[in-house]
PDB file of N, CA and C in Angstrom:
ATOM      1  N   MET A   1       0.840  -1.185   0.000  1.00  0.00           N
ATOM      2  CA  MET A   1       0.000   0.000   0.000  1.00  0.00           C
ATOM      3  C   MET A   1       0.887   1.251   0.000  1.00  0.00           C
ATOM      4  N   ALA A   2       0.570   2.198  -0.851  1.00  0.00           N
ATOM      5  CA  ALA A   2       1.355   3.423  -0.973  1.00  0.00           C
ATOM      6  C   ALA A   2       1.156   4.314   0.252  1.00  0.00           C
ATOM      7  N   LEU A   3       2.233   4.979   0.629  1.00  0.00           N
ATOM      8  CA  LEU A   3       2.151   5.930   1.728  1.00  0.00           C
ATOM      9  C   LEU A   3       1.408   7.177   1.276  1.00  0.00           C
ATOM     10  N   PRO A   4       0.740   7.866   2.204  1.00  0.00           N
ATOM     11  CA  PRO A   4       0.140   9.159   1.850  1.00  0.00           C
ATOM     12  C   PRO A   4       1.240  10.134   1.424  1.00  0.00           C
ATOM     13  N   ALA A   5       0.866  11.131   0.656  1.00  0.00           N
ATOM     14  CA  ALA A   5       1.819  12.140   0.199  1.00  0.00           C
ATOM     15  C   ALA A   5       2.464  12.843   1.391  1.00  0.00           C
ATOM     16  N   LEU A   6       3.759  13.140   1.244  1.00  0.00           N
ATOM     17  CA  LEU A   6       4.489  13.890   2.264  1.00  0.00           C
ATOM     18  C   LEU A   6       4.468  15.367   1.894  1.00  0.00           C
ATOM     19  N   ILE A   7       3.939  16.168   2.795  1.00  0.00           N
ATOM     20  CA  ILE A   7       3.880  17.616   2.616  1.00  0.00           C
ATOM     21  C   ILE A   7       4.891  18.233   3.568  1.00  0.00           C
ATOM     22  N   ALA A   8       5.836  18.992   3.034  1.00  0.00           N
ATOM     23  CA  ALA A   8       6.811  19.707   3.857  1.00  0.00           C
ATOM     24  C   ALA A   8       6.344  21.149   3.998  1.00  0.00           C
ATOM     25  N   VAL A   9       6.313  21.622   5.228  1.00  0.00           N
ATOM     26  CA  VAL A   9       5.925  22.999   5.536  1.00  0.00           C
ATOM     27  C   VAL A   9       7.183  23.750   5.949  1.00  0.00           C
ATOM     28  N   VAL A  10       7.469  24.862   5.266  1.00  0.00           N
ATOM     29  CA  VAL A  10       8.633  25.678   5.606  1.00  0.00           C
ATOM     30  C   VAL A  10       8.130  27.076   5.951  1.00  0.00           C
ATOM     31  N   ASP A  11       8.282  27.438   7.221  1.00  0.00           N
ATOM     32  CA  ASP A  11       7.806  28.733   7.708  1.00  0.00           C
ATOM     33  C   ASP A  11       8.579  29.079   8.969  1.00  0.00           C
ATOM     34  N   ASP A  12       9.000  30.328   9.106  1.00  0.00           N
ATOM     35  CA  ASP A  12       9.725  30.744  10.304  1.00  0.00           C
ATOM     36  C   ASP A  12       8.791  31.068  11.465  1.00  0.00           C
ATOM     37  N   ASP A  13       7.491  31.022  11.261  1.00  0.00           N
ATOM     38  CA  ASP A  13       6.499  31.305  12.305  1.00  0.00           C
ATOM     39  C   ASP A  13       6.210  30.021  13.088  1.00  0.00           C
ATOM     40  N   ALA A  14       6.601  30.006  14.355  1.00  0.00           N
ATOM     41  CA  ALA A  14       6.453  28.807  15.186  1.00  0.00           C
ATOM     42  C   ALA A  14       4.994  28.366  15.306  1.00  0.00           C
ATOM     43  N   SER A  15       4.065  29.317  15.320  1.00  0.00           N
ATOM     44  CA  SER A  15       2.651  28.930  15.452  1.00  0.00           C
ATOM     45  C   SER A  15       2.171  28.174  14.215  1.00  0.00           C
ATOM     46  N   VAL A  16       2.675  28.549  13.048  1.00  0.00           N
ATOM     47  CA  VAL A  16       2.337  27.828  11.821  1.00  0.00           C
ATOM     48  C   VAL A  16       2.927  26.423  11.879  1.00  0.00           C
ATOM     49  N   LEU A  17       4.170  26.317  12.317  1.00  0.00           N
ATOM     50  CA  LEU A  17       4.826  25.007  12.396  1.00  0.00           C
ATOM     51  C   LEU A  17       4.194  24.107  13.445  1.00  0.00           C
ATOM     52  N   ASP A  18       3.548  24.704  14.443  1.00  0.00           N
ATOM     53  CA  ASP A  18       2.839  23.914  15.454  1.00  0.00           C
ATOM     54  C   ASP A  18       1.505  23.398  14.930  1.00  0.00           C
ATOM     55  N   SER A  19       0.834  24.200  14.119  1.00  0.00           N
ATOM     56  CA  SER A  19      -0.539  23.854  13.742  1.00  0.00           C
ATOM     57  C   SER A  19      -0.695  23.252  12.346  1.00  0.00           C
ATOM     58  N   LEU A  20       0.036  23.746  11.367  1.00  0.00           N
ATOM     59  CA  LEU A  20      -0.196  23.314   9.987  1.00  0.00           C
ATOM     60  C   LEU A  20       0.156  21.841   9.745  1.00  0.00           C
ATOM     61  N   PRO A  21       1.292  21.333  10.215  1.00  0.00           N
ATOM     62  CA  PRO A  21       1.541  19.903  10.011  1.00  0.00           C
ATOM     63  C   PRO A  21       0.471  19.020  10.654  1.00  0.00           C
ATOM     64  N   GLU A  22      -0.022  19.425  11.799  1.00  0.00           N
ATOM     65  CA  GLU A  22      -1.088  18.658  12.457  1.00  0.00           C
ATOM     66  C   GLU A  22      -2.358  18.661  11.601  1.00  0.00           C
ATOM     67  N   LEU A  23      -2.711  19.814  11.045  1.00  0.00           N
ATOM     68  CA  LEU A  23      -3.876  19.898  10.165  1.00  0.00           C
ATOM     69  C   LEU A  23      -3.681  19.012   8.936  1.00  0.00           C
ATOM     70  N   LEU A  24      -2.500  19.038   8.362  1.00  0.00           N
ATOM     71  CA  LEU A  24      -2.216  18.209   7.188  1.00  0.00           C
ATOM     72  C   LEU A  24      -2.359  16.725   7.510  1.00  0.00           C
ATOM     73  N   GLU A  25      -1.894  16.326   8.673  1.00  0.00           N
ATOM     74  CA  GLU A  25      -2.048  14.932   9.086  1.00  0.00           C
ATOM     75  C   GLU A  25      -3.519  14.583   9.286  1.00  0.00           C
ATOM     76  N   ASP A  26      -4.290  15.521   9.845  1.00  0.00           N
ATOM     77  CA  ASP A  26      -5.733  15.303   9.988  1.00  0.00           C
ATOM     78  C   ASP A  26      -6.412  15.142   8.629  1.00  0.00           C
ATOM     79  N   MET A  27      -5.827  15.750   7.579  1.00  0.00           N
ATOM     80  CA  MET A  27      -6.364  15.632   6.226  1.00  0.00           C
ATOM     81  C   MET A  27      -5.932  14.334   5.538  1.00  0.00           C
ATOM     82  N   GLY A  28      -5.066  13.571   6.197  1.00  0.00           N
ATOM     83  CA  GLY A  28      -4.639  12.294   5.631  1.00  0.00           C
ATOM     84  C   GLY A  28      -3.267  12.292   4.988  1.00  0.00           C
ATOM     85  N   PHE A  29      -2.541  13.393   5.099  1.00  0.00           N
ATOM     86  CA  PHE A  29      -1.189  13.481   4.549  1.00  0.00           C
ATOM     87  C   PHE A  29      -0.164  13.166   5.632  1.00  0.00           C
ATOM     88  N   ARG A  30       1.053  12.863   5.219  1.00  0.00           N
ATOM     89  CA  ARG A  30       2.190  12.888   6.128  1.00  0.00           C
ATOM     90  C   ARG A  30       2.726  14.312   6.065  1.00  0.00           C
ATOM     91  N   ALA A  31       3.282  14.813   7.165  1.00  0.00           N
ATOM     92  CA  ALA A  31       3.743  16.200   7.179  1.00  0.00           C
ATOM     93  C   ALA A  31       5.006  16.335   8.020  1.00  0.00           C
ATOM     94  N   ARG A  32       5.879  17.223   7.562  1.00  0.00           N
ATOM     95  CA  ARG A  32       7.081  17.603   8.304  1.00  0.00           C
ATOM     96  C   ARG A  32       7.207  19.110   8.253  1.00  0.00           C
ATOM     97  N   GLY A  33       7.605  19.683   9.365  1.00  0.00           N
ATOM     98  CA  GLY A  33       7.780  21.126   9.439  1.00  0.00           C
ATOM     99  C   GLY A  33       9.247  21.515   9.535  1.00  0.00           C
ATOM    100  N   PHE A  34       9.586  22.627   8.909  1.00  0.00           N
ATOM    101  CA  PHE A  34      10.946  23.151   8.907  1.00  0.00           C
ATOM    102  C   PHE A  34      10.873  24.650   9.163  1.00  0.00           C
ATOM    103  N   SER A  35      11.754  25.146  10.035  1.00  0.00           N
ATOM    104  CA  SER A  35      11.694  26.557  10.419  1.00  0.00           C
ATOM    105  C   SER A  35      12.446  27.481   9.465  1.00  0.00           C
ATOM    106  N   SER A  36      13.136  26.902   8.476  1.00  0.00           N
ATOM    107  CA  SER A  36      13.843  27.732   7.496  1.00  0.00           C
ATOM    108  C   SER A  36      14.081  26.934   6.227  1.00  0.00           C
ATOM    109  N   ALA A  37      14.369  27.658   5.169  1.00  0.00           N
ATOM    110  CA  ALA A  37      14.699  27.018   3.896  1.00  0.00           C
ATOM    111  C   ALA A  37      15.994  26.223   4.032  1.00  0.00           C
ATOM    112  N   VAL A  38      16.957  26.762   4.765  1.00  0.00           N
ATOM    113  CA  VAL A  38      18.237  26.079   4.954  1.00  0.00           C
ATOM    114  C   VAL A  38      18.019  24.768   5.707  1.00  0.00           C
ATOM    115  N   GLU A  39      17.140  24.781   6.708  1.00  0.00           N
ATOM    116  CA  GLU A  39      16.852  23.543   7.445  1.00  0.00           C
ATOM    117  C   GLU A  39      16.243  22.495   6.510  1.00  0.00           C
ATOM    118  N   PHE A  40      15.317  22.914   5.657  1.00  0.00           N
ATOM    119  CA  PHE A  40      14.722  21.975   4.706  1.00  0.00           C
ATOM    120  C   PHE A  40      15.787  21.404   3.772  1.00  0.00           C
ATOM    121  N   LEU A  41      16.627  22.266   3.211  1.00  0.00           N
ATOM    122  CA  LEU A  41      17.651  21.807   2.271  1.00  0.00           C
ATOM    123  C   LEU A  41      18.631  20.825   2.915  1.00  0.00           C
ATOM    124  N   GLY A  42      18.901  21.009   4.195  1.00  0.00           N
ATOM    125  CA  GLY A  42      19.841  20.146   4.888  1.00  0.00           C
ATOM    126  C   GLY A  42      19.230  18.893   5.487  1.00  0.00           C
ATOM    127  N   SER A  43      17.928  18.739   5.369  1.00  0.00           N
ATOM    128  CA  SER A  43      17.218  17.661   6.052  1.00  0.00           C
ATOM    129  C   SER A  43      17.269  16.317   5.332  1.00  0.00           C
ATOM    130  N   GLY A  44      17.532  16.337   4.042  1.00  0.00           N
ATOM    131  CA  GLY A  44      17.441  15.106   3.269  1.00  0.00           C
ATOM    132  C   GLY A  44      16.018  14.758   2.879  1.00  0.00           C
ATOM    133  N   ALA A  45      15.067  15.647   3.146  1.00  0.00           N
ATOM    134  CA  ALA A  45      13.651  15.376   2.873  1.00  0.00           C
ATOM    135  C   ALA A  45      13.241  15.704   1.441  1.00  0.00           C
ATOM    136  N   MET A  46      14.108  16.363   0.682  1.00  0.00           N
ATOM    137  CA  MET A  46      13.719  16.784  -0.670  1.00  0.00           C
ATOM    138  C   MET A  46      13.240  15.627  -1.527  1.00  0.00           C
ATOM    139  N   GLN A  47      13.950  14.517  -1.477  1.00  0.00           N
ATOM    140  CA  GLN A  47      13.633  13.387  -2.354  1.00  0.00           C
ATOM    141  C   GLN A  47      12.279  12.758  -2.018  1.00  0.00           C
ATOM    142  N   ASP A  48      11.851  12.886  -0.775  1.00  0.00           N
ATOM    143  CA  ASP A  48      10.598  12.258  -0.346  1.00  0.00           C
ATOM    144  C   ASP A  48       9.409  13.206  -0.356  1.00  0.00           C
ATOM    145  N   THR A  49       9.652  14.489  -0.535  1.00  0.00           N
ATOM    146  CA  THR A  49       8.590  15.492  -0.435  1.00  0.00           C
ATOM    147  C   THR A  49       7.758  15.512  -1.714  1.00  0.00           C
ATOM    148  N   ASP A  50       6.444  15.369  -1.543  1.00  0.00           N
ATOM    149  CA  ASP A  50       5.509  15.395  -2.674  1.00  0.00           C
ATOM    150  C   ASP A  50       4.969  16.787  -2.946  1.00  0.00           C
ATOM    151  N   CYS A  51       4.999  17.656  -1.932  1.00  0.00           N
ATOM    152  CA  CYS A  51       4.523  19.033  -2.085  1.00  0.00           C
ATOM    153  C   CYS A  51       5.156  19.868  -0.982  1.00  0.00           C
ATOM    154  N   LEU A  52       5.472  21.104  -1.326  1.00  0.00           N
ATOM    155  CA  LEU A  52       6.084  22.035  -0.388  1.00  0.00           C
ATOM    156  C   LEU A  52       5.101  23.169  -0.137  1.00  0.00           C
ATOM    157  N   VAL A  53       4.756  23.394   1.127  1.00  0.00           N
ATOM    158  CA  VAL A  53       3.940  24.545   1.518  1.00  0.00           C
ATOM    159  C   VAL A  53       4.923  25.532   2.125  1.00  0.00           C
ATOM    160  N   LEU A  54       5.100  26.654   1.448  1.00  0.00           N
ATOM    161  CA  LEU A  54       6.270  27.500   1.662  1.00  0.00           C
ATOM    162  C   LEU A  54       5.883  28.957   1.893  1.00  0.00           C
ATOM    163  N   ASP A  55       6.357  29.496   3.021  1.00  0.00           N
ATOM    164  CA  ASP A  55       6.144  30.918   3.296  1.00  0.00           C
ATOM    165  C   ASP A  55       7.020  31.740   2.354  1.00  0.00           C
ATOM    166  N   ILE A  56       6.515  32.876   1.943  1.00  0.00           N
ATOM    167  CA  ILE A  56       7.274  33.733   1.035  1.00  0.00           C
ATOM    168  C   ILE A  56       8.371  34.489   1.773  1.00  0.00           C
ATOM    169  N   ALA A  57       7.990  35.157   2.858  1.00  0.00           N
ATOM    170  CA  ALA A  57       8.915  36.055   3.548  1.00  0.00           C
ATOM    171  C   ALA A  57       9.505  35.373   4.780  1.00  0.00           C
ATOM    172  N   MET A  58      10.768  34.981   4.661  1.00  0.00           N
ATOM    173  CA  MET A  58      11.497  34.396   5.793  1.00  0.00           C
ATOM    174  C   MET A  58      12.868  35.046   5.842  1.00  0.00           C
ATOM    175  N   PRO A  59      13.454  35.149   7.033  1.00  0.00           N
ATOM    176  CA  PRO A  59      14.812  35.703   7.103  1.00  0.00           C
ATOM    177  C   PRO A  59      15.807  34.800   6.384  1.00  0.00           C
ATOM    178  N   GLY A  60      16.824  35.414   5.844  1.00  0.00           N
ATOM    179  CA  GLY A  60      17.824  34.625   5.106  1.00  0.00           C
ATOM    180  C   GLY A  60      17.274  34.235   3.750  1.00  0.00           C
ATOM    181  N   MET A  61      17.147  32.937   3.509  1.00  0.00           N
ATOM    182  CA  MET A  61      16.640  32.437   2.230  1.00  0.00           C
ATOM    183  C   MET A  61      15.111  32.521   2.235  1.00  0.00           C
ATOM    184  N   THR A  62      14.556  33.304   1.325  1.00  0.00           N
ATOM    185  CA  THR A  62      13.104  33.462   1.235  1.00  0.00           C
ATOM    186  C   THR A  62      12.478  32.257   0.530  1.00  0.00           C
ATOM    187  N   GLY A  63      11.154  32.225   0.524  1.00  0.00           N
ATOM    188  CA  GLY A  63      10.467  31.166  -0.201  1.00  0.00           C
ATOM    189  C   GLY A  63      10.823  31.135  -1.680  1.00  0.00           C
ATOM    190  N   PRO A  64      10.748  32.265  -2.372  1.00  0.00           N
ATOM    191  CA  PRO A  64      11.165  32.267  -3.781  1.00  0.00           C
ATOM    192  C   PRO A  64      12.637  31.886  -3.975  1.00  0.00           C
ATOM    193  N   ASP A  65      13.496  32.243  -3.021  1.00  0.00           N
ATOM    194  CA  ASP A  65      14.907  31.824  -3.103  1.00  0.00           C
ATOM    195  C   ASP A  65      15.014  30.303  -3.025  1.00  0.00           C
ATOM    196  N   LEU A  66      14.240  29.692  -2.130  1.00  0.00           N
ATOM    197  CA  LEU A  66      14.255  28.236  -2.006  1.00  0.00           C
ATOM    198  C   LEU A  66      13.743  27.594  -3.288  1.00  0.00           C
ATOM    199  N   ARG A  67      12.672  28.133  -3.852  1.00  0.00           N
ATOM    200  CA  ARG A  67      12.170  27.613  -5.129  1.00  0.00           C
ATOM    201  C   ARG A  67      13.262  27.650  -6.188  1.00  0.00           C
ATOM    202  N   ASP A  68      13.976  28.776  -6.269  1.00  0.00           N
ATOM    203  CA  ASP A  68      15.048  28.913  -7.255  1.00  0.00           C
ATOM    204  C   ASP A  68      16.165  27.903  -7.002  1.00  0.00           C
ATOM    205  N   GLU A  69      16.519  27.685  -5.746  1.00  0.00           N
ATOM    206  CA  GLU A  69      17.566  26.724  -5.402  1.00  0.00           C
ATOM    207  C   GLU A  69      17.140  25.308  -5.782  1.00  0.00           C
ATOM    208  N   LEU A  70      15.881  24.977  -5.527  1.00  0.00           N
ATOM    209  CA  LEU A  70      15.388  23.651  -5.913  1.00  0.00           C
ATOM    210  C   LEU A  70      15.452  23.467  -7.427  1.00  0.00           C
ATOM    211  N   GLN A  71      15.090  24.505  -8.172  1.00  0.00           N
ATOM    212  CA  GLN A  71      15.161  24.431  -9.628  1.00  0.00           C
ATOM    213  C   GLN A  71      16.605  24.244 -10.089  1.00  0.00           C
ATOM    214  N   THR A  72      17.539  24.950  -9.461  1.00  0.00           N
ATOM    215  CA  THR A  72      18.954  24.812  -9.788  1.00  0.00           C
ATOM    216  C   THR A  72      19.431  23.384  -9.559  1.00  0.00           C
ATOM    217  N   ARG A  73      18.893  22.753  -8.519  1.00  0.00           N
ATOM    218  CA  ARG A  73      19.274  21.376  -8.183  1.00  0.00           C
ATOM    219  C   ARG A  73      18.491  20.339  -8.995  1.00  0.00           C
ATOM    220  N   GLY A  74      17.596  20.806  -9.861  1.00  0.00           N
ATOM    221  CA  GLY A  74      16.806  19.888 -10.673  1.00  0.00           C
ATOM    222  C   GLY A  74      15.724  19.168  -9.894  1.00  0.00           C
ATOM    223  N   CYS A  75      15.282  19.769  -8.820  1.00  0.00           N
ATOM    224  CA  CYS A  75      14.274  19.164  -7.943  1.00  0.00           C
ATOM    225  C   CYS A  75      12.926  19.851  -8.197  1.00  0.00           C
ATOM    226  N   ALA A  76      12.016  19.134  -8.826  1.00  0.00           N
ATOM    227  CA  ALA A  76      10.731  19.713  -9.229  1.00  0.00           C
ATOM    228  C   ALA A  76       9.620  19.322  -8.258  1.00  0.00           C
ATOM    229  N   ILE A  77       9.634  19.918  -7.073  1.00  0.00           N
ATOM    230  CA  ILE A  77       8.585  19.682  -6.080  1.00  0.00           C
ATOM    231  C   ILE A  77       7.482  20.712  -6.316  1.00  0.00           C
ATOM    232  N   PRO A  78       6.224  20.277  -6.415  1.00  0.00           N
ATOM    233  CA  PRO A  78       5.130  21.259  -6.512  1.00  0.00           C
ATOM    234  C   PRO A  78       5.111  22.150  -5.270  1.00  0.00           C
ATOM    235  N   ILE A  79       4.907  23.448  -5.491  1.00  0.00           N
ATOM    236  CA  ILE A  79       4.967  24.410  -4.387  1.00  0.00           C
ATOM    237  C   ILE A  79       3.648  25.153  -4.259  1.00  0.00           C
ATOM    238  N   ILE A  80       3.201  25.247  -3.003  1.00  0.00           N
ATOM    239  CA  ILE A  80       2.099  26.121  -2.615  1.00  0.00           C
ATOM    240  C   ILE A  80       2.722  27.194  -1.735  1.00  0.00           C
ATOM    241  N   PHE A  81       2.684  28.435  -2.188  1.00  0.00           N
ATOM    242  CA  PHE A  81       3.197  29.528  -1.375  1.00  0.00           C
ATOM    243  C   PHE A  81       2.104  30.018  -0.443  1.00  0.00           C
ATOM    244  N   MET A  82       2.530  30.576   0.686  1.00  0.00           N
ATOM    245  CA  MET A  82       1.607  31.241   1.597  1.00  0.00           C
ATOM    246  C   MET A  82       2.264  32.534   2.059  1.00  0.00           C
ATOM    247  N   THR A  83       1.429  33.540   2.284  1.00  0.00           N
ATOM    248  CA  THR A  83       1.955  34.842   2.669  1.00  0.00           C
ATOM    249  C   THR A  83       0.921  35.631   3.467  1.00  0.00           C
ATOM    250  N   ALA A  84       1.430  36.477   4.339  1.00  0.00           N
ATOM    251  CA  ALA A  84       0.566  37.393   5.083  1.00  0.00           C
ATOM    252  C   ALA A  84       0.357  38.692   4.300  1.00  0.00           C
ATOM    253  N   GLN A  85       1.107  38.868   3.212  1.00  0.00           N
ATOM    254  CA  GLN A  85       0.978  40.067   2.379  1.00  0.00           C
ATOM    255  C   GLN A  85      -0.149  39.857   1.376  1.00  0.00           C
ATOM    256  N   ASN A  86      -1.272  40.486   1.611  1.00  0.00           N
ATOM    257  CA  ASN A  86      -2.429  40.319   0.723  1.00  0.00           C
ATOM    258  C   ASN A  86      -2.223  41.192  -0.517  1.00  0.00           C
ATOM    259  N   ASP A  87      -1.313  40.740  -1.380  1.00  0.00           N
ATOM    260  CA  ASP A  87      -0.926  41.492  -2.567  1.00  0.00           C
ATOM    261  C   ASP A  87      -1.148  40.616  -3.799  1.00  0.00           C
ATOM    262  N   GLU A  88      -2.132  40.969  -4.583  1.00  0.00           N
ATOM    263  CA  GLU A  88      -2.492  40.169  -5.753  1.00  0.00           C
ATOM    264  C   GLU A  88      -1.372  40.125  -6.789  1.00  0.00           C
ATOM    265  N   ALA A  89      -0.559  41.183  -6.870  1.00  0.00           N
ATOM    266  CA  ALA A  89       0.557  41.199  -7.826  1.00  0.00           C
ATOM    267  C   ALA A  89       1.588  40.125  -7.469  1.00  0.00           C
ATOM    268  N   ILE A  90       1.882  39.963  -6.175  1.00  0.00           N
ATOM    269  CA  ILE A  90       2.816  38.921  -5.732  1.00  0.00           C
ATOM    270  C   ILE A  90       2.239  37.559  -6.064  1.00  0.00           C
ATOM    271  N   ARG A  91       0.969  37.375  -5.764  1.00  0.00           N
ATOM    272  CA  ARG A  91       0.301  36.093  -6.026  1.00  0.00           C
ATOM    273  C   ARG A  91       0.366  35.759  -7.514  1.00  0.00           C
ATOM    274  N   SER A  92       0.015  36.710  -8.349  1.00  0.00           N
ATOM    275  CA  SER A  92       0.014  36.486  -9.797  1.00  0.00           C
ATOM    276  C   SER A  92       1.410  36.133 -10.314  1.00  0.00           C
ATOM    277  N   ALA A  93       2.420  36.833  -9.821  1.00  0.00           N
ATOM    278  CA  ALA A  93       3.788  36.568 -10.264  1.00  0.00           C
ATOM    279  C   ALA A  93       4.228  35.161  -9.869  1.00  0.00           C
ATOM    280  N   LEU A  94       3.910  34.741  -8.664  1.00  0.00           N
ATOM    281  CA  LEU A  94       4.297  33.399  -8.216  1.00  0.00           C
ATOM    282  C   LEU A  94       3.596  32.323  -9.032  1.00  0.00           C
ATOM    283  N   LEU A  95       2.339  32.538  -9.338  1.00  0.00           N
ATOM    284  CA  LEU A  95       1.602  31.564 -10.156  1.00  0.00           C
ATOM    285  C   LEU A  95       2.181  31.506 -11.569  1.00  0.00           C
ATOM    286  N   GLU A  96       2.538  32.654 -12.125  1.00  0.00           N
ATOM    287  CA  GLU A  96       3.146  32.684 -13.455  1.00  0.00           C
ATOM    288  C   GLU A  96       4.496  31.962 -13.472  1.00  0.00           C
ATOM    289  N   GLN A  97       5.179  31.956 -12.324  1.00  0.00           N
ATOM    290  CA  GLN A  97       6.492  31.312 -12.217  1.00  0.00           C
ATOM    291  C   GLN A  97       6.376  29.838 -11.844  1.00  0.00           C
ATOM    292  N   GLY A  98       5.163  29.297 -11.824  1.00  0.00           N
ATOM    293  CA  GLY A  98       5.000  27.863 -11.653  1.00  0.00           C
ATOM    294  C   GLY A  98       4.429  27.367 -10.346  1.00  0.00           C
ATOM    295  N   ALA A  99       4.156  28.253  -9.406  1.00  0.00           N
ATOM    296  CA  ALA A  99       3.541  27.813  -8.153  1.00  0.00           C
ATOM    297  C   ALA A  99       2.166  27.213  -8.438  1.00  0.00           C
ATOM    298  N   LYS A 100       1.805  26.192  -7.686  1.00  0.00           N
ATOM    299  CA  LYS A 100       0.488  25.569  -7.845  1.00  0.00           C
ATOM    300  C   LYS A 100      -0.606  26.422  -7.231  1.00  0.00           C
ATOM    301  N   ALA A 101      -0.253  27.186  -6.196  1.00  0.00           N
ATOM    302  CA  ALA A 101      -1.215  28.073  -5.533  1.00  0.00           C
ATOM    303  C   ALA A 101      -0.430  29.071  -4.697  1.00  0.00           C
ATOM    304  N   CYS A 102      -1.109  30.152  -4.322  1.00  0.00           N
ATOM    305  CA  CYS A 102      -0.559  31.125  -3.385  1.00  0.00           C
ATOM    306  C   CYS A 102      -1.703  31.521  -2.465  1.00  0.00           C
ATOM    307  N   LEU A 103      -1.602  31.136  -1.215  1.00  0.00           N
ATOM    308  CA  LEU A 103      -2.660  31.371  -0.236  1.00  0.00           C
ATOM    309  C   LEU A 103      -2.297  32.550   0.649  1.00  0.00           C
ATOM    310  N   PHE A 104      -3.283  33.400   0.895  1.00  0.00           N
ATOM    311  CA  PHE A 104      -3.089  34.529   1.797  1.00  0.00           C
ATOM    312  C   PHE A 104      -3.459  34.094   3.209  1.00  0.00           C
ATOM    313  N   LYS A 105      -2.538  34.326   4.163  1.00  0.00           N
ATOM    314  CA  LYS A 105      -2.790  33.994   5.565  1.00  0.00           C
ATOM    315  C   LYS A 105      -3.738  35.028   6.152  1.00  0.00           C
ATOM    316  N   PRO A 106      -4.649  34.645   6.991  1.00  0.00           N
ATOM    317  CA  PRO A 106      -5.014  33.266   7.321  1.00  0.00           C
ATOM    318  C   PRO A 106      -5.901  32.694   6.207  1.00  0.00           C
ATOM    319  N   PHE A 107      -5.709  31.450   5.882  1.00  0.00           N
ATOM    320  CA  PHE A 107      -6.505  30.829   4.828  1.00  0.00           C
ATOM    321  C   PHE A 107      -7.404  29.758   5.427  1.00  0.00           C
ATOM    322  N   LYS A 108      -8.451  29.445   4.700  1.00  0.00           N
ATOM    323  CA  LYS A 108      -9.411  28.445   5.161  1.00  0.00           C
ATOM    324  C   LYS A 108      -8.913  27.040   4.806  1.00  0.00           C
ATOM    325  N   GLU A 109      -9.338  26.089   5.600  1.00  0.00           N
ATOM    326  CA  GLU A 109      -8.926  24.704   5.399  1.00  0.00           C
ATOM    327  C   GLU A 109      -9.307  24.198   4.014  1.00  0.00           C
ATOM    328  N   ASP A 110     -10.489  24.568   3.540  1.00  0.00           N
ATOM    329  CA  ASP A 110     -10.904  24.074   2.216  1.00  0.00           C
ATOM    330  C   ASP A 110     -10.060  24.680   1.092  1.00  0.00           C
ATOM    331  N   ALA A 111      -9.553  25.901   1.259  1.00  0.00           N
ATOM    332  CA  ALA A 111      -8.658  26.494   0.257  1.00  0.00           C
ATOM    333  C   ALA A 111      -7.329  25.749   0.235  1.00  0.00           C
ATOM    334  N   LEU A 112      -6.837  25.386   1.408  1.00  0.00           N
ATOM    335  CA  LEU A 112      -5.613  24.604   1.485  1.00  0.00           C
ATOM    336  C   LEU A 112      -5.824  23.234   0.857  1.00  0.00           C
ATOM    337  N   ARG A 113      -6.944  22.609   1.158  1.00  0.00           N
ATOM    338  CA  ARG A 113      -7.223  21.271   0.613  1.00  0.00           C
ATOM    339  C   ARG A 113      -7.278  21.312  -0.913  1.00  0.00           C
ATOM    340  N   ALA A 114      -7.942  22.318  -1.469  1.00  0.00           N
ATOM    341  CA  ALA A 114      -8.036  22.437  -2.924  1.00  0.00           C
ATOM    342  C   ALA A 114      -6.647  22.622  -3.542  1.00  0.00           C
ATOM    343  N   ALA A 115      -5.818  23.444  -2.907  1.00  0.00           N
ATOM    344  CA  ALA A 115      -4.461  23.662  -3.413  1.00  0.00           C
ATOM    345  C   ALA A 115      -3.634  22.390  -3.327  1.00  0.00           C
ATOM    346  N   LEU A 116      -3.775  21.654  -2.236  1.00  0.00           N
ATOM    347  CA  LEU A 116      -3.040  20.395  -2.077  1.00  0.00           C
ATOM    348  C   LEU A 116      -3.488  19.364  -3.100  1.00  0.00           C
ATOM    349  N   ASP A 117      -4.779  19.278  -3.323  1.00  0.00           N
ATOM    350  CA  ASP A 117      -5.282  18.319  -4.307  1.00  0.00           C
ATOM    351  C   ASP A 117      -4.702  18.625  -5.684  1.00  0.00           C
ATOM    352  N   LEU A 118      -4.647  19.892  -6.034  1.00  0.00           N
ATOM    353  CA  LEU A 118      -4.080  20.311  -7.322  1.00  0.00           C
ATOM    354  C   LEU A 118      -2.582  19.984  -7.377  1.00  0.00           C
ATOM    355  N   ALA A 119      -1.860  20.312  -6.320  1.00  0.00           N
ATOM    356  CA  ALA A 119      -0.410  20.116  -6.319  1.00  0.00           C
ATOM    357  C   ALA A 119      -0.017  18.649  -6.282  1.00  0.00           C
ATOM    358  N   VAL A 120      -0.663  17.864  -5.462  1.00  0.00           N
ATOM    359  CA  VAL A 120      -0.299  16.453  -5.323  1.00  0.00           C
ATOM    360  C   VAL A 120      -0.712  15.670  -6.559  1.00  0.00           C
ATOM    361  N   ASP A 121      -1.844  16.025  -7.161  1.00  0.00           N
ATOM    362  CA  ASP A 121      -2.280  15.355  -8.389  1.00  0.00           C
ATOM    363  C   ASP A 121      -1.333  15.617  -9.548  1.00  0.00           C
ATOM    364  N   SER A 122      -0.624  16.758  -9.502  1.00  0.00           N
ATOM    365  CA  SER A 122       0.263  17.110 -10.607  1.00  0.00           C
ATOM    366  C   SER A 122       1.669  16.578 -10.427  1.00  0.00           C
ATOM    367  N   SER A 123       1.969  16.024  -9.255  1.00  0.00           N
ATOM    368  CA  SER A 123       3.353  15.576  -9.010  1.00  0.00           C
ATOM    369  C   SER A 123       3.596  14.184  -9.549  1.00  0.00           C
TER     370      SER A 123
END
């Protein structure tokens, strides 16, 4: 029997890392949380990750920086960005650059589920 999809959450906000992986597990996914892009890159989880839920604005390596690094490494993980900046121009640009979705925080569970279904189905 196949394992449920692994969703990696990368966000520097501890409250997100406390709650979002738990919600993902309640939805039937496996989930791992990482407090930075560097932590994710060093974890060895890239090969097993089916979808990345990624904050845009983080200290050091930002979400878009991590996306670029993954592309440089030839790692094509579907990405769902999330941001507290309710800016449609940012959202549109990320979608044009290949993101599966861009959710504005706080987002509803059904919006996350729809984005995950789209991202995991495409991987």
